[in-house]
Each structure stands twice: as C-alpha cells, then as structure tokens.
N, C-alpha and C. Protein backbone atom coordinates (compact mmCIF):
# COMPACT_ATOMS: atom_id res chain seq x y z
N MET A 1 3.44 16.79 -10.70
CA MET A 1 2.70 15.60 -10.38
C MET A 1 1.27 16.01 -10.02
N ASN A 2 0.30 15.35 -10.61
CA ASN A 2 -1.07 15.74 -10.36
C ASN A 2 -1.60 15.16 -9.04
N ASP A 3 -2.77 15.59 -8.66
CA ASP A 3 -3.33 15.22 -7.36
C ASP A 3 -3.59 13.72 -7.25
N ARG A 4 -3.99 13.09 -8.35
CA ARG A 4 -4.28 11.66 -8.29
C ARG A 4 -3.04 10.87 -7.91
N TRP A 5 -1.91 11.17 -8.52
CA TRP A 5 -0.69 10.42 -8.23
C TRP A 5 -0.17 10.72 -6.82
N LYS A 6 -0.32 11.94 -6.38
CA LYS A 6 0.07 12.27 -5.00
C LYS A 6 -0.75 11.46 -4.02
N TYR A 7 -2.06 11.38 -4.27
CA TYR A 7 -2.95 10.63 -3.40
C TYR A 7 -2.62 9.13 -3.46
N GLN A 8 -2.40 8.60 -4.66
CA GLN A 8 -2.08 7.19 -4.81
C GLN A 8 -0.77 6.84 -4.12
N LEU A 9 0.23 7.69 -4.23
CA LEU A 9 1.50 7.42 -3.56
C LEU A 9 1.35 7.45 -2.04
N LYS A 10 0.61 8.44 -1.55
CA LYS A 10 0.42 8.56 -0.11
C LYS A 10 -0.32 7.34 0.43
N MET A 11 -1.42 6.98 -0.18
CA MET A 11 -2.22 5.85 0.30
C MET A 11 -1.51 4.53 0.06
N GLY A 12 -0.88 4.38 -1.10
CA GLY A 12 -0.20 3.14 -1.44
C GLY A 12 1.01 2.86 -0.56
N LEU A 13 1.80 3.88 -0.29
CA LEU A 13 2.95 3.69 0.59
C LEU A 13 2.50 3.36 2.01
N PHE A 14 1.47 4.03 2.48
CA PHE A 14 0.95 3.72 3.81
C PHE A 14 0.46 2.28 3.87
N TRP A 15 -0.31 1.85 2.88
CA TRP A 15 -0.84 0.49 2.86
C TRP A 15 0.29 -0.53 2.77
N GLY A 16 1.27 -0.30 1.91
CA GLY A 16 2.38 -1.23 1.74
C GLY A 16 3.20 -1.38 3.01
N ILE A 17 3.51 -0.28 3.67
CA ILE A 17 4.30 -0.34 4.90
C ILE A 17 3.48 -0.98 6.02
N PHE A 18 2.20 -0.63 6.10
CA PHE A 18 1.31 -1.20 7.11
C PHE A 18 1.21 -2.71 6.95
N MET A 19 1.03 -3.20 5.73
CA MET A 19 0.92 -4.64 5.48
C MET A 19 2.23 -5.36 5.78
N ASN A 20 3.36 -4.75 5.43
CA ASN A 20 4.64 -5.38 5.72
C ASN A 20 4.88 -5.49 7.21
N PHE A 21 4.51 -4.47 7.94
CA PHE A 21 4.68 -4.50 9.39
C PHE A 21 3.91 -5.68 10.00
N PHE A 22 2.66 -5.85 9.61
CA PHE A 22 1.88 -6.93 10.18
C PHE A 22 2.29 -8.30 9.65
N MET A 23 2.80 -8.38 8.44
CA MET A 23 3.31 -9.65 7.94
C MET A 23 4.58 -10.06 8.68
N ILE A 24 5.38 -9.09 9.09
CA ILE A 24 6.57 -9.39 9.88
C ILE A 24 6.16 -9.98 11.23
N LEU A 25 5.13 -9.40 11.83
CA LEU A 25 4.68 -9.88 13.13
C LEU A 25 4.09 -11.28 13.06
N MET A 26 3.49 -11.65 11.94
CA MET A 26 2.82 -12.95 11.81
C MET A 26 3.77 -14.08 11.42
N ASP A 27 4.97 -13.75 11.00
CA ASP A 27 5.91 -14.78 10.57
C ASP A 27 6.59 -15.43 11.77
N ASP A 28 7.03 -16.68 11.60
CA ASP A 28 7.68 -17.42 12.68
C ASP A 28 9.15 -17.04 12.86
N LYS A 29 9.76 -16.47 11.84
CA LYS A 29 11.17 -16.10 11.92
C LYS A 29 11.35 -14.85 12.78
N THR A 30 12.58 -14.65 13.24
CA THR A 30 12.87 -13.44 14.00
C THR A 30 12.96 -12.25 13.05
N LEU A 31 12.91 -11.07 13.62
CA LEU A 31 12.96 -9.85 12.82
C LEU A 31 14.27 -9.76 12.05
N ILE A 32 15.37 -10.09 12.69
CA ILE A 32 16.69 -10.01 12.05
C ILE A 32 16.78 -10.99 10.87
N GLU A 33 16.27 -12.21 11.05
CA GLU A 33 16.29 -13.18 9.96
C GLU A 33 15.48 -12.68 8.77
N GLN A 34 14.35 -12.06 9.03
CA GLN A 34 13.51 -11.57 7.95
C GLN A 34 14.15 -10.40 7.21
N VAL A 35 14.74 -9.48 7.96
CA VAL A 35 15.34 -8.30 7.33
C VAL A 35 16.55 -8.68 6.48
N TYR A 36 17.28 -9.71 6.87
CA TYR A 36 18.46 -10.10 6.12
C TYR A 36 18.15 -11.02 4.93
N SER A 37 16.91 -11.41 4.75
CA SER A 37 16.58 -12.28 3.62
C SER A 37 16.14 -11.45 2.42
N ILE A 38 16.41 -11.96 1.24
CA ILE A 38 16.04 -11.27 0.01
C ILE A 38 14.53 -11.31 -0.18
N ASP A 39 13.88 -12.33 0.37
CA ASP A 39 12.42 -12.44 0.26
C ASP A 39 11.72 -11.25 0.92
N PHE A 40 12.28 -10.75 1.99
CA PHE A 40 11.71 -9.60 2.68
C PHE A 40 11.67 -8.38 1.76
N TYR A 41 12.75 -8.11 1.07
CA TYR A 41 12.82 -6.94 0.20
C TYR A 41 11.94 -7.09 -1.04
N ILE A 42 11.83 -8.30 -1.55
CA ILE A 42 10.92 -8.54 -2.67
C ILE A 42 9.49 -8.32 -2.21
N ARG A 43 9.15 -8.82 -1.02
CA ARG A 43 7.80 -8.64 -0.48
C ARG A 43 7.50 -7.16 -0.23
N VAL A 44 8.48 -6.41 0.25
CA VAL A 44 8.29 -4.97 0.47
C VAL A 44 7.98 -4.28 -0.86
N LEU A 45 8.75 -4.57 -1.89
CA LEU A 45 8.53 -3.95 -3.19
C LEU A 45 7.17 -4.34 -3.78
N VAL A 46 6.79 -5.59 -3.63
CA VAL A 46 5.50 -6.04 -4.17
C VAL A 46 4.35 -5.37 -3.43
N TYR A 47 4.40 -5.33 -2.11
CA TYR A 47 3.32 -4.70 -1.35
C TYR A 47 3.21 -3.20 -1.66
N ILE A 48 4.33 -2.54 -1.79
CA ILE A 48 4.28 -1.11 -2.10
C ILE A 48 3.77 -0.88 -3.52
N ALA A 49 4.20 -1.70 -4.47
CA ALA A 49 3.71 -1.55 -5.85
C ALA A 49 2.21 -1.82 -5.93
N VAL A 50 1.76 -2.88 -5.28
CA VAL A 50 0.32 -3.17 -5.26
C VAL A 50 -0.42 -2.05 -4.55
N GLY A 51 0.15 -1.55 -3.48
CA GLY A 51 -0.49 -0.47 -2.75
C GLY A 51 -0.63 0.79 -3.58
N VAL A 52 0.40 1.16 -4.29
CA VAL A 52 0.37 2.40 -5.08
C VAL A 52 -0.55 2.25 -6.29
N PHE A 53 -0.36 1.17 -7.05
CA PHE A 53 -1.09 1.07 -8.31
C PHE A 53 -2.50 0.51 -8.16
N PHE A 54 -2.73 -0.40 -7.25
CA PHE A 54 -4.04 -1.02 -7.13
C PHE A 54 -4.87 -0.38 -6.02
N MET A 55 -4.36 -0.41 -4.79
CA MET A 55 -5.13 0.14 -3.68
C MET A 55 -5.27 1.66 -3.80
N GLY A 56 -4.22 2.33 -4.24
CA GLY A 56 -4.29 3.77 -4.44
C GLY A 56 -5.30 4.16 -5.49
N TYR A 57 -5.35 3.39 -6.58
CA TYR A 57 -6.32 3.67 -7.64
C TYR A 57 -7.75 3.43 -7.17
N ILE A 58 -7.97 2.33 -6.47
CA ILE A 58 -9.31 2.02 -5.98
C ILE A 58 -9.79 3.09 -5.00
N THR A 59 -8.94 3.48 -4.07
CA THR A 59 -9.35 4.50 -3.11
C THR A 59 -9.55 5.86 -3.78
N TRP A 60 -8.76 6.16 -4.82
CA TRP A 60 -8.94 7.40 -5.56
C TRP A 60 -10.30 7.41 -6.27
N LYS A 61 -10.65 6.31 -6.91
CA LYS A 61 -11.94 6.22 -7.58
C LYS A 61 -13.08 6.32 -6.58
N GLU A 62 -12.92 5.67 -5.43
CA GLU A 62 -13.96 5.73 -4.40
C GLU A 62 -14.11 7.16 -3.87
N LYS A 63 -12.99 7.82 -3.66
CA LYS A 63 -13.02 9.20 -3.17
C LYS A 63 -13.70 10.12 -4.18
N ASN A 64 -13.35 9.99 -5.45
CA ASN A 64 -13.96 10.83 -6.48
C ASN A 64 -15.41 10.46 -6.71
N GLY A 65 -15.77 9.23 -6.57
CA GLY A 65 -17.16 8.83 -6.73
C GLY A 65 -18.05 9.47 -5.68
N LYS A 66 -17.52 9.62 -4.47
CA LYS A 66 -18.30 10.25 -3.40
C LYS A 66 -18.39 11.76 -3.63
N LEU A 67 -17.39 12.35 -4.26
CA LEU A 67 -17.41 13.78 -4.49
C LEU A 67 -18.39 14.19 -5.58
N PHE A 68 -18.55 13.32 -6.58
CA PHE A 68 -19.34 13.70 -7.74
C PHE A 68 -20.69 12.99 -7.83
N THR A 69 -21.17 12.42 -6.74
CA THR A 69 -22.49 11.78 -6.79
C THR A 69 -23.57 12.82 -6.61
N TRP A 70 -24.70 12.57 -7.23
CA TRP A 70 -25.85 13.47 -7.12
C TRP A 70 -26.66 13.05 -5.92
N SER A 71 -27.03 13.98 -5.10
CA SER A 71 -27.86 13.66 -3.94
C SER A 71 -29.30 14.05 -4.24
N SER A 72 -30.22 13.26 -3.74
CA SER A 72 -31.64 13.52 -3.99
C SER A 72 -32.23 14.40 -2.93
C-alpha cells in the first residue's frame, strides 16, 4: 500500500469516527437506541467512506501542495 492510501485511510477513519461521535451527541435519541438502529450503521459507513475517499484525498492534495510549492 502506498503512502497516499495510508494517509487517506488514517485521516479518513479519524474524520469519520470523529463526525459520528458528534452526530451521536447531537441527536435526541439515547445512545442505545441509536446503536441498535440500522440507520446508525449506514451513517457510520457513509461517514467513513466520505472521510477516506473525499476528505483524505483533499488533505493529501493540500499536504503535497505545501511540500512542492516554490518559495520566493
């Protein structure tokens, strides 16, 4: 696995878990009700997928852009 995918997985999983944690806190249902619903697991998968493929890619491009910019 190359460095880009390692970075995207690390950042994307962190972002997906972080967002799910705060979405759980903002919901009106109890934690047990949320964990036992199928919507919770779909939301977890969607946030992690978006985190890995979208947020991970954007942060990777931003990181590489800073590494390869020319300074005056």
